[in-house]
């Protein structure tokens, strides 16, 4: 198979699982375990097939230690080893996984959401395009939701409120927070990434 064919096939598998997860999140507020764990295994397999063994090991450890602050020193040491051997090309994956884990630790996203994010970041580990695509879609959707629900004047107020809740660790108790089905946004983020990263 050509590089383009492989990119299309693996992208189609990823997108299908993300769409199923998004629909489930909209209907039940849950991400199917078959999709979240399936994509984790799929992403790990892709790294191994591409010969990225060190990144595969780091990805596996990051998944197994997600949300567990006691073992974060181990992950930090592994990140140092990865950087020492892989250089700057490992930055998007390592920092992307750290950001996803941070959001999960703050309970801003659920475990299934974090697993989907981990898989997406691993699929697009070669550049910052995946992280930027995810961020762009989330910012756009969040801003549009605030404007629709509370008006333009309240955007600054909501940003301040969310910031305060994050500092105090009481995000879950914020009764006025926006409840956007996170997993439902990810297929759009993946499509954006797939468009900008398609092999020329």
C-alpha atoms as a PDB file:
ATOM      1  CA  UNK A   1       0.000   0.000   0.000  1.00  0.00           C
ATOM      2  CA  UNK A   2       1.170   3.535  -0.754  1.00  0.00           C
ATOM      3  CA  UNK A   3       1.672   6.162   1.967  1.00  0.00           C
ATOM      4  CA  UNK A   4      -1.492   7.938   0.837  1.00  0.00           C
ATOM      5  CA  UNK A   5      -3.541   4.718   0.976  1.00  0.00           C
ATOM      6  CA  UNK A   6      -2.272   3.919   4.475  1.00  0.00           C
ATOM      7  CA  UNK A   7      -3.043   7.476   5.613  1.00  0.00           C
ATOM      8  CA  UNK A   8      -6.576   7.264   4.231  1.00  0.00           C
ATOM      9  CA  UNK A   9      -7.245   3.792   5.685  1.00  0.00           C
ATOM     10  CA  UNK A  10      -5.939   4.534   9.173  1.00  0.00           C
ATOM     11  CA  UNK A  11      -7.671   7.921   9.135  1.00  0.00           C
ATOM     12  CA  UNK A  12     -10.976   6.297   8.165  1.00  0.00           C
ATOM     13  CA  UNK A  13     -10.703   3.825  11.064  1.00  0.00           C
ATOM     14  CA  UNK A  14      -9.941   6.634  13.501  1.00  0.00           C
ATOM     15  CA  UNK A  15     -12.738   8.850  12.200  1.00  0.00           C
ATOM     16  CA  UNK A  16     -15.331   6.043  12.311  1.00  0.00           C
ATOM     17  CA  UNK A  17     -14.553   5.332  15.974  1.00  0.00           C
ATOM     18  CA  UNK A  18     -14.631   9.053  16.811  1.00  0.00           C
ATOM     19  CA  UNK A  19     -18.004   9.520  15.110  1.00  0.00           C
ATOM     20  CA  UNK A  20     -19.482   6.566  17.021  1.00  0.00           C
ATOM     21  CA  UNK A  21     -18.045   7.970  20.260  1.00  0.00           C
ATOM     22  CA  UNK A  22     -19.416  11.438  19.493  1.00  0.00           C
ATOM     23  CA  UNK A  23     -22.918  10.152  18.793  1.00  0.00           C
ATOM     24  CA  UNK A  24     -22.836   8.079  21.978  1.00  0.00           C
ATOM     25  CA  UNK A  25     -21.657  11.107  23.970  1.00  0.00           C
ATOM     26  CA  UNK A  26     -24.554  13.164  22.626  1.00  0.00           C
ATOM     27  CA  UNK A  27     -27.121  10.471  23.452  1.00  0.00           C
ATOM     28  CA  UNK A  28     -25.805   8.919  26.667  1.00  0.00           C
ATOM     29  CA  UNK A  29     -22.985  11.244  27.825  1.00  0.00           C
ATOM     30  CA  UNK A  30     -20.670   8.251  27.727  1.00  0.00           C
ATOM     31  CA  UNK A  31     -17.918   7.124  25.362  1.00  0.00           C
ATOM     32  CA  UNK A  32     -18.140   3.416  24.412  1.00  0.00           C
ATOM     33  CA  UNK A  33     -15.239   1.486  25.910  1.00  0.00           C
ATOM     34  CA  UNK A  34     -14.897  -0.481  22.690  1.00  0.00           C
ATOM     35  CA  UNK A  35     -14.076   2.785  20.899  1.00  0.00           C
ATOM     36  CA  UNK A  36     -11.836   4.375  23.534  1.00  0.00           C
ATOM     37  CA  UNK A  37      -9.794   1.253  24.309  1.00  0.00           C
ATOM     38  CA  UNK A  38      -9.895   0.141  20.693  1.00  0.00           C
ATOM     39  CA  UNK A  39      -8.398   3.430  19.530  1.00  0.00           C
ATOM     40  CA  UNK A  40      -5.709   3.275  22.222  1.00  0.00           C
ATOM     41  CA  UNK A  41      -4.658  -0.147  20.979  1.00  0.00           C
ATOM     42  CA  UNK A  42      -4.896   1.005  17.347  1.00  0.00           C
ATOM     43  CA  UNK A  43      -2.692   4.040  18.049  1.00  0.00           C
ATOM     44  CA  UNK A  44      -0.133   1.936  19.907  1.00  0.00           C
ATOM     45  CA  UNK A  45      -0.075  -0.518  17.013  1.00  0.00           C
ATOM     46  CA  UNK A  46       0.518   2.316  14.536  1.00  0.00           C
ATOM     47  CA  UNK A  47       3.556   3.537  16.486  1.00  0.00           C
ATOM     48  CA  UNK A  48       4.977   0.012  16.641  1.00  0.00           C
ATOM     49  CA  UNK A  49       4.378  -0.601  12.934  1.00  0.00           C
ATOM     50  CA  UNK A  50       6.174   2.646  12.143  1.00  0.00           C
ATOM     51  CA  UNK A  51       9.161   1.551  14.207  1.00  0.00           C
ATOM     52  CA  UNK A  52       8.637   4.237  16.867  1.00  0.00           C
ATOM     53  CA  UNK A  53       9.307   1.881  19.754  1.00  0.00           C
ATOM     54  CA  UNK A  54      10.426   4.448  22.318  1.00  0.00           C
ATOM     55  CA  UNK A  55       7.407   6.659  21.637  1.00  0.00           C
ATOM     56  CA  UNK A  56       5.203   3.571  21.833  1.00  0.00           C
ATOM     57  CA  UNK A  57       6.554   2.717  25.288  1.00  0.00           C
ATOM     58  CA  UNK A  58       6.092   6.301  26.463  1.00  0.00           C
ATOM     59  CA  UNK A  59       2.532   6.372  25.083  1.00  0.00           C
ATOM     60  CA  UNK A  60       1.677   3.124  26.870  1.00  0.00           C
ATOM     61  CA  UNK A  61       3.053   4.371  30.200  1.00  0.00           C
ATOM     62  CA  UNK A  62       1.219   7.708  29.776  1.00  0.00           C
ATOM     63  CA  UNK A  63      -2.053   5.846  29.214  1.00  0.00           C
ATOM     64  CA  UNK A  64      -1.571   3.560  32.205  1.00  0.00           C
ATOM     65  CA  UNK A  65      -0.685   6.435  34.548  1.00  0.00           C
ATOM     66  CA  UNK A  66      -3.329   8.929  33.364  1.00  0.00           C
ATOM     67  CA  UNK A  67      -4.726  10.893  36.310  1.00  0.00           C
ATOM     68  CA  UNK A  68      -2.405   9.230  38.841  1.00  0.00           C
ATOM     69  CA  UNK A  69      -0.256  11.965  40.373  1.00  0.00           C
ATOM     70  CA  UNK A  70       1.811   9.530  42.476  1.00  0.00           C
ATOM     71  CA  UNK A  71       3.523   8.018  39.450  1.00  0.00           C
ATOM     72  CA  UNK A  72       4.011  11.250  37.478  1.00  0.00           C
ATOM     73  CA  UNK A  73       7.738  11.394  38.438  1.00  0.00           C
ATOM     74  CA  UNK A  74       8.194   8.144  36.501  1.00  0.00           C
ATOM     75  CA  UNK A  75       6.520   9.681  33.473  1.00  0.00           C
ATOM     76  CA  UNK A  76       8.685  12.781  33.801  1.00  0.00           C
ATOM     77  CA  UNK A  77      11.866  10.689  33.843  1.00  0.00           C
ATOM     78  CA  UNK A  78      10.645   8.801  30.785  1.00  0.00           C
ATOM     79  CA  UNK A  79       9.908  12.100  29.023  1.00  0.00           C
ATOM     80  CA  UNK A  80      13.492  13.221  29.644  1.00  0.00           C
ATOM     81  CA  UNK A  81      14.770   9.944  28.178  1.00  0.00           C
ATOM     82  CA  UNK A  82      12.488  10.313  25.156  1.00  0.00           C
ATOM     83  CA  UNK A  83      13.680  13.876  24.522  1.00  0.00           C
ATOM     84  CA  UNK A  84      17.297  12.821  24.918  1.00  0.00           C
ATOM     85  CA  UNK A  85      16.889  10.144  22.262  1.00  0.00           C
ATOM     86  CA  UNK A  86      14.255  11.565  19.934  1.00  0.00           C
ATOM     87  CA  UNK A  87      14.948  15.289  20.183  1.00  0.00           C
ATOM     88  CA  UNK A  88      12.443  17.992  19.323  1.00  0.00           C
ATOM     89  CA  UNK A  89      10.341  15.725  17.117  1.00  0.00           C
ATOM     90  CA  UNK A  90       8.905  14.189  20.309  1.00  0.00           C
ATOM     91  CA  UNK A  91       7.618  17.541  21.610  1.00  0.00           C
ATOM     92  CA  UNK A  92       4.110  17.443  20.049  1.00  0.00           C
ATOM     93  CA  UNK A  93       3.349  13.971  21.404  1.00  0.00           C
ATOM     94  CA  UNK A  94       4.860  14.383  24.883  1.00  0.00           C
ATOM     95  CA  UNK A  95       3.371  17.814  25.545  1.00  0.00           C
ATOM     96  CA  UNK A  96       0.067  16.841  23.927  1.00  0.00           C
ATOM     97  CA  UNK A  97      -0.314  13.806  26.173  1.00  0.00           C
ATOM     98  CA  UNK A  98       0.643  15.912  29.203  1.00  0.00           C
ATOM     99  CA  UNK A  99      -2.019  18.500  28.325  1.00  0.00           C
ATOM    100  CA  UNK A 100      -4.698  15.826  27.868  1.00  0.00           C
ATOM    101  CA  UNK A 101      -3.729  14.244  31.189  1.00  0.00           C
ATOM    102  CA  UNK A 102      -3.865  17.672  32.857  1.00  0.00           C
ATOM    103  CA  UNK A 103      -7.428  18.256  31.611  1.00  0.00           C
ATOM    104  CA  UNK A 104      -8.409  14.786  32.828  1.00  0.00           C
ATOM    105  CA  UNK A 105      -6.802  15.371  36.244  1.00  0.00           C
ATOM    106  CA  UNK A 106      -8.823  18.590  36.625  1.00  0.00           C
ATOM    107  CA  UNK A 107     -11.984  16.647  35.719  1.00  0.00           C
ATOM    108  CA  UNK A 108     -12.609  18.987  32.793  1.00  0.00           C
ATOM    109  CA  UNK A 109     -12.922  15.906  30.596  1.00  0.00           C
ATOM    110  CA  UNK A 110     -13.817  12.328  31.387  1.00  0.00           C
ATOM    111  CA  UNK A 111     -11.698   9.201  31.110  1.00  0.00           C
ATOM    112  CA  UNK A 112     -13.190   8.209  27.760  1.00  0.00           C
ATOM    113  CA  UNK A 113     -12.582  11.717  26.404  1.00  0.00           C
ATOM    114  CA  UNK A 114      -8.959  11.582  27.556  1.00  0.00           C
ATOM    115  CA  UNK A 115      -8.448   8.214  25.884  1.00  0.00           C
ATOM    116  CA  UNK A 116      -9.811   9.576  22.602  1.00  0.00           C
ATOM    117  CA  UNK A 117      -7.492  12.579  22.905  1.00  0.00           C
ATOM    118  CA  UNK A 118      -4.501  10.328  23.612  1.00  0.00           C
ATOM    119  CA  UNK A 119      -5.264   8.301  20.498  1.00  0.00           C
ATOM    120  CA  UNK A 120      -5.727  11.353  18.283  1.00  0.00           C
ATOM    121  CA  UNK A 121      -2.501  12.955  19.471  1.00  0.00           C
ATOM    122  CA  UNK A 122      -0.630   9.722  18.794  1.00  0.00           C
ATOM    123  CA  UNK A 123      -2.109   9.478  15.297  1.00  0.00           C
ATOM    124  CA  UNK A 124      -0.841  12.996  14.559  1.00  0.00           C
ATOM    125  CA  UNK A 125       2.342  12.846  16.641  1.00  0.00           C
ATOM    126  CA  UNK A 126       4.655  14.148  13.896  1.00  0.00           C
ATOM    127  CA  UNK A 127       3.611  17.813  14.226  1.00  0.00           C
ATOM    128  CA  UNK A 128       1.544  20.270  16.223  1.00  0.00           C
ATOM    129  CA  UNK A 129      -1.270  20.103  13.655  1.00  0.00           C
ATOM    130  CA  UNK A 130      -3.408  17.658  15.624  1.00  0.00           C
ATOM    131  CA  UNK A 131      -3.180  19.666  18.859  1.00  0.00           C
ATOM    132  CA  UNK A 132      -3.872  22.898  16.967  1.00  0.00           C
ATOM    133  CA  UNK A 133      -6.858  21.344  15.179  1.00  0.00           C
ATOM    134  CA  UNK A 134      -8.349  20.123  18.450  1.00  0.00           C
ATOM    135  CA  UNK A 135      -7.747  23.487  20.114  1.00  0.00           C
ATOM    136  CA  UNK A 136      -9.248  25.447  17.212  1.00  0.00           C
ATOM    137  CA  UNK A 137     -12.463  23.402  17.159  1.00  0.00           C
ATOM    138  CA  UNK A 138     -12.894  23.526  20.950  1.00  0.00           C
ATOM    139  CA  UNK A 139     -12.283  27.292  21.124  1.00  0.00           C
ATOM    140  CA  UNK A 140     -14.700  27.932  18.260  1.00  0.00           C
ATOM    141  CA  UNK A 141     -17.405  25.681  19.726  1.00  0.00           C
ATOM    142  CA  UNK A 142     -16.932  27.063  23.240  1.00  0.00           C
ATOM    143  CA  UNK A 143     -17.077  30.683  22.116  1.00  0.00           C
ATOM    144  CA  UNK A 144     -20.133  30.045  19.952  1.00  0.00           C
ATOM    145  CA  UNK A 145     -21.874  28.292  22.869  1.00  0.00           C
ATOM    146  CA  UNK A 146     -21.153  31.144  25.289  1.00  0.00           C
ATOM    147  CA  UNK A 147     -22.439  33.725  22.811  1.00  0.00           C
ATOM    148  CA  UNK A 148     -25.549  31.667  22.127  1.00  0.00           C
ATOM    149  CA  UNK A 149     -26.326  30.924  25.785  1.00  0.00           C
ATOM    150  CA  UNK A 150     -25.169  34.051  27.600  1.00  0.00           C
ATOM    151  CA  UNK A 151     -24.403  36.758  25.036  1.00  0.00           C
ATOM    152  CA  UNK A 152     -21.164  38.405  23.968  1.00  0.00           C
ATOM    153  CA  UNK A 153     -20.977  40.586  27.103  1.00  0.00           C
ATOM    154  CA  UNK A 154     -20.603  37.540  29.353  1.00  0.00           C
ATOM    155  CA  UNK A 155     -17.603  35.955  27.615  1.00  0.00           C
ATOM    156  CA  UNK A 156     -15.061  37.749  29.823  1.00  0.00           C
ATOM    157  CA  UNK A 157     -17.074  36.867  32.921  1.00  0.00           C
ATOM    158  CA  UNK A 158     -17.210  33.186  32.018  1.00  0.00           C
ATOM    159  CA  UNK A 159     -13.473  33.060  31.335  1.00  0.00           C
ATOM    160  CA  UNK A 160     -12.826  34.586  34.760  1.00  0.00           C
ATOM    161  CA  UNK A 161     -15.262  32.195  36.463  1.00  0.00           C
ATOM    162  CA  UNK A 162     -13.719  29.122  34.820  1.00  0.00           C
ATOM    163  CA  UNK A 163     -10.235  30.347  35.751  1.00  0.00           C
ATOM    164  CA  UNK A 164     -11.266  30.745  39.396  1.00  0.00           C
ATOM    165  CA  UNK A 165     -12.874  27.319  39.482  1.00  0.00           C
ATOM    166  CA  UNK A 166      -9.767  25.728  37.982  1.00  0.00           C
ATOM    167  CA  UNK A 167      -7.601  27.353  40.655  1.00  0.00           C
ATOM    168  CA  UNK A 168      -9.877  26.156  43.454  1.00  0.00           C
ATOM    169  CA  UNK A 169     -10.475  22.722  41.949  1.00  0.00           C
ATOM    170  CA  UNK A 170     -14.267  23.117  42.004  1.00  0.00           C
ATOM    171  CA  UNK A 171     -14.988  23.002  38.298  1.00  0.00           C
ATOM    172  CA  UNK A 172     -17.459  20.169  38.726  1.00  0.00           C
ATOM    173  CA  UNK A 173     -19.534  22.241  41.164  1.00  0.00           C
ATOM    174  CA  UNK A 174     -19.842  25.163  38.741  1.00  0.00           C
ATOM    175  CA  UNK A 175     -23.564  24.990  37.977  1.00  0.00           C
ATOM    176  CA  UNK A 176     -23.358  27.679  35.296  1.00  0.00           C
ATOM    177  CA  UNK A 177     -20.585  26.073  33.291  1.00  0.00           C
ATOM    178  CA  UNK A 178     -21.191  25.116  29.696  1.00  0.00           C
ATOM    179  CA  UNK A 179     -21.809  21.446  29.121  1.00  0.00           C
ATOM    180  CA  UNK A 180     -20.568  20.747  25.620  1.00  0.00           C
ATOM    181  CA  UNK A 181     -20.375  17.047  24.672  1.00  0.00           C
ATOM    182  CA  UNK A 182     -16.597  16.983  24.332  1.00  0.00           C
ATOM    183  CA  UNK A 183     -16.350  13.747  22.357  1.00  0.00           C
ATOM    184  CA  UNK A 184     -18.852  15.109  19.825  1.00  0.00           C
ATOM    185  CA  UNK A 185     -16.340  17.828  18.870  1.00  0.00           C
ATOM    186  CA  UNK A 186     -13.436  15.476  18.254  1.00  0.00           C
ATOM    187  CA  UNK A 187     -14.561  14.120  14.848  1.00  0.00           C
ATOM    188  CA  UNK A 188     -14.605  17.703  13.542  1.00  0.00           C
ATOM    189  CA  UNK A 189     -11.141  18.314  14.968  1.00  0.00           C
ATOM    190  CA  UNK A 190      -9.894  15.131  13.322  1.00  0.00           C
ATOM    191  CA  UNK A 191     -11.384  16.115   9.966  1.00  0.00           C
ATOM    192  CA  UNK A 192      -9.640  19.487  10.214  1.00  0.00           C
ATOM    193  CA  UNK A 193      -6.341  17.768  10.988  1.00  0.00           C
ATOM    194  CA  UNK A 194      -6.838  15.238   8.189  1.00  0.00           C
ATOM    195  CA  UNK A 195      -7.475  18.056   5.719  1.00  0.00           C
ATOM    196  CA  UNK A 196      -4.386  20.082   6.625  1.00  0.00           C
ATOM    197  CA  UNK A 197      -2.083  17.056   6.911  1.00  0.00           C
ATOM    198  CA  UNK A 198      -3.121  15.049   3.865  1.00  0.00           C
ATOM    199  CA  UNK A 199      -0.023  13.888   1.948  1.00  0.00           C
ATOM    200  CA  UNK A 200       0.643  16.167  -1.018  1.00  0.00           C
END
